Amino acid sequence: MRSPRATRHRKDDRRRGAFEHTSFTFLGYEFRPRLAKNRHGKHFVSFLPAVSTDAMRAMGAEIRSWHLARRSDKSLDDLARMFNSIVQGWINYYGRFYKSRLLYFLRRLNNHLVRWVCRKYKQRLRNRERRAMAWLAEIARRSPRLFAHWRLGARPDGWAMGAG
């Protein structure tokens, strides 16, 4: 049986009253009411963890610090080797619960790669983000395991495999 103190701070579909605290952050996860599916496929609201906003902000700052667009001297394989271990670590840690929230964040990495493509192939793709995204999507179709976030399903072509 749960202690009264533990249930006082939880809110889900069975506790419909007004609560002062409906979420909290712990170890980079934000715990709050989220949509879930039971074993019969019926949706319900449950108190679940997902990557926190602060953690996404920190990961975004880390990605920006890589200055991907300025690394036009590197190949796509080089970029994958340089950053996959970091991204895979995020996936391993934050992807354990409510993976869709992490996937939404990791799709931003593709935008950084598009900027890299536009600078790397200036003659053909400068200021042509759509074409650069299509080029990147073709690479993702041929080598879907090149980048860690592509393996999870955050592909540049928008096709999410394994999201859940």
Protein backbone atom coordinates (compact mmCIF):
# COMPACT_ATOMS: atom_id res chain seq x y z
CA MET A 1 0.00 0.00 0.00
CA ARG A 2 1.27 3.48 -0.86
CA SER A 3 1.82 5.98 1.86
CA PRO A 4 -0.62 8.91 1.96
CA ARG A 5 2.30 11.26 1.39
CA ALA A 6 3.25 9.58 -1.91
CA THR A 7 -0.29 9.73 -3.30
CA ARG A 8 -0.79 13.34 -2.27
CA HIS A 9 1.61 14.55 -4.96
CA ARG A 10 0.46 12.21 -7.71
CA LYS A 11 -2.22 13.11 -10.19
CA ASP A 12 -3.64 10.73 -12.75
CA ASP A 13 -7.06 9.90 -14.20
CA ARG A 14 -8.29 8.40 -10.90
CA ARG A 15 -7.41 11.49 -8.86
CA ARG A 16 -9.35 14.32 -10.40
CA GLY A 17 -9.02 16.91 -7.66
CA ALA A 18 -6.94 20.07 -7.86
CA PHE A 19 -3.36 19.49 -6.75
CA GLU A 20 -0.71 22.05 -5.95
CA HIS A 21 2.12 19.96 -7.47
CA THR A 22 1.36 17.91 -10.56
CA SER A 23 4.96 17.35 -11.68
CA PHE A 24 8.52 17.17 -10.44
CA THR A 25 11.99 16.70 -11.89
CA PHE A 26 14.43 14.08 -10.68
CA LEU A 27 17.73 12.96 -12.27
CA GLY A 28 16.92 14.63 -15.59
CA TYR A 29 13.44 13.15 -15.82
CA GLU A 30 10.23 15.10 -15.48
CA PHE A 31 7.48 13.08 -13.82
CA ARG A 32 3.98 14.26 -14.68
CA PRO A 33 0.63 12.97 -15.96
CA ARG A 34 1.02 11.61 -19.50
CA LEU A 35 -1.04 9.59 -21.91
CA ALA A 36 -0.39 5.83 -21.73
CA LYS A 37 -1.91 2.70 -23.23
CA ASN A 38 -2.96 -0.37 -21.24
CA ARG A 39 -2.47 -3.95 -22.40
CA HIS A 40 -5.90 -3.89 -24.08
CA GLY A 41 -4.99 -0.84 -26.17
CA LYS A 42 -7.13 1.60 -24.20
CA HIS A 43 -5.62 5.01 -23.49
CA PHE A 44 -5.48 6.43 -19.98
CA VAL A 45 -3.58 9.09 -18.05
CA SER A 46 -0.76 7.92 -15.81
CA PHE A 47 2.06 9.56 -13.86
CA LEU A 48 5.11 8.82 -16.06
CA PRO A 49 8.71 10.05 -16.48
CA ALA A 50 10.19 11.58 -19.63
CA VAL A 51 13.27 13.63 -20.43
CA SER A 52 12.96 16.98 -18.65
CA THR A 53 12.96 20.39 -20.30
CA ASP A 54 16.16 21.31 -18.46
CA ALA A 55 17.88 18.16 -19.75
CA MET A 56 16.78 18.93 -23.31
CA ARG A 57 18.05 22.48 -22.89
CA ALA A 58 21.45 21.15 -21.74
CA MET A 59 21.61 18.65 -24.62
CA GLY A 60 20.68 21.42 -27.07
CA ALA A 61 23.50 23.59 -25.71
CA GLU A 62 25.88 20.65 -26.12
CA ILE A 63 24.79 20.13 -29.75
CA ARG A 64 25.21 23.84 -30.49
CA SER A 65 28.70 23.76 -28.95
CA TRP A 66 29.74 21.19 -31.58
CA HIS A 67 29.33 23.84 -34.34
CA LEU A 68 28.45 21.17 -36.88
CA ALA A 69 27.96 23.60 -39.75
CA ARG A 70 31.55 24.84 -39.36
CA ARG A 71 32.97 21.35 -39.76
CA SER A 72 32.69 21.24 -43.54
CA ASP A 73 36.18 19.71 -43.68
CA LYS A 74 34.74 16.49 -42.18
CA SER A 75 32.78 13.78 -43.92
CA LEU A 76 29.39 12.51 -42.77
CA ASP A 77 31.11 9.36 -41.47
CA ASP A 78 33.54 11.51 -39.47
CA LEU A 79 30.65 13.41 -37.87
CA ALA A 80 28.93 10.13 -36.99
CA ARG A 81 32.13 8.82 -35.38
CA MET A 82 32.66 12.06 -33.45
CA PHE A 83 29.20 12.45 -31.96
CA ASN A 84 27.43 9.07 -31.98
CA SER A 85 28.79 8.01 -28.61
CA ILE A 86 27.39 11.13 -26.93
CA VAL A 87 24.00 10.87 -28.64
CA GLN A 88 23.86 7.13 -27.92
CA GLY A 89 24.47 7.88 -24.24
CA TRP A 90 21.52 10.28 -24.22
CA ILE A 91 19.37 7.67 -25.95
CA ASN A 92 20.41 4.97 -23.47
CA TYR A 93 19.64 7.17 -20.47
CA TYR A 94 16.65 9.29 -21.50
CA GLY A 95 15.16 6.86 -24.03
CA ARG A 96 14.22 4.39 -21.33
CA PHE A 97 10.87 6.11 -20.67
CA TYR A 98 8.53 7.98 -23.02
CA LYS A 99 10.83 7.71 -26.03
CA SER A 100 8.62 9.92 -28.22
CA ARG A 101 9.60 13.04 -26.26
CA LEU A 102 13.30 12.28 -26.82
CA LEU A 103 12.67 11.53 -30.51
CA TYR A 104 11.03 14.92 -30.93
CA PHE A 105 14.15 16.54 -29.49
CA LEU A 106 16.64 14.45 -31.48
CA ARG A 107 15.02 15.41 -34.79
CA ARG A 108 16.63 18.83 -34.23
CA LEU A 109 19.98 17.18 -34.86
CA ASN A 110 18.90 16.66 -38.47
CA ASN A 111 18.49 20.43 -38.86
CA HIS A 112 22.10 20.89 -37.76
CA LEU A 113 23.16 18.24 -40.27
CA VAL A 114 21.20 20.03 -43.01
CA ARG A 115 23.13 23.23 -42.28
CA TRP A 116 26.33 21.18 -42.48
CA VAL A 117 25.26 19.78 -45.87
CA CYS A 118 24.46 23.28 -47.18
CA ARG A 119 27.94 24.51 -46.23
CA LYS A 120 29.80 21.37 -47.30
CA TYR A 121 28.22 21.33 -50.77
CA LYS A 122 27.97 25.08 -51.36
CA GLN A 123 27.90 24.93 -55.13
CA ARG A 124 24.80 22.73 -55.30
CA LEU A 125 22.98 23.18 -52.00
CA ARG A 126 23.69 26.62 -50.59
CA ASN A 127 20.42 28.12 -49.26
CA ARG A 128 18.57 25.02 -50.39
CA GLU A 129 17.54 23.43 -47.11
CA ARG A 130 14.81 21.31 -48.70
CA ARG A 131 17.20 19.77 -51.19
CA ALA A 132 19.79 19.27 -48.44
CA MET A 133 17.17 17.51 -46.31
CA ALA A 134 16.23 15.32 -49.29
CA TRP A 135 19.92 14.49 -49.82
CA LEU A 136 20.27 13.61 -46.14
CA ALA A 137 17.08 11.53 -46.29
CA GLU A 138 18.54 9.54 -49.18
CA ILE A 139 21.69 8.89 -47.16
CA ALA A 140 19.48 7.77 -44.23
CA ARG A 141 17.61 5.37 -46.53
CA ARG A 142 20.88 3.84 -47.75
CA SER A 143 22.62 3.83 -44.33
CA PRO A 144 19.91 3.92 -41.66
CA ARG A 145 22.39 2.99 -38.92
CA LEU A 146 24.94 5.74 -39.62
CA PHE A 147 23.80 8.08 -36.84
CA ALA A 148 22.58 6.96 -33.42
CA HIS A 149 19.43 9.09 -33.58
CA TRP A 150 18.59 7.59 -36.99
CA ARG A 151 18.73 4.11 -35.45
CA LEU A 152 16.21 5.25 -32.85
CA GLY A 153 13.88 6.55 -35.57
CA ALA A 154 14.63 10.29 -35.82
CA ARG A 155 15.36 10.15 -39.54
CA PRO A 156 15.55 13.22 -41.79
CA ASP A 157 12.83 11.88 -44.08
CA GLY A 158 10.31 12.12 -41.26
CA TRP A 159 9.67 8.40 -41.22
CA ALA A 160 9.80 7.33 -37.58
CA MET A 161 10.53 3.68 -37.09
CA GLY A 162 10.61 2.31 -33.58
CA ALA A 163 8.98 5.36 -32.04
CA GLY A 164 7.07 4.58 -28.95
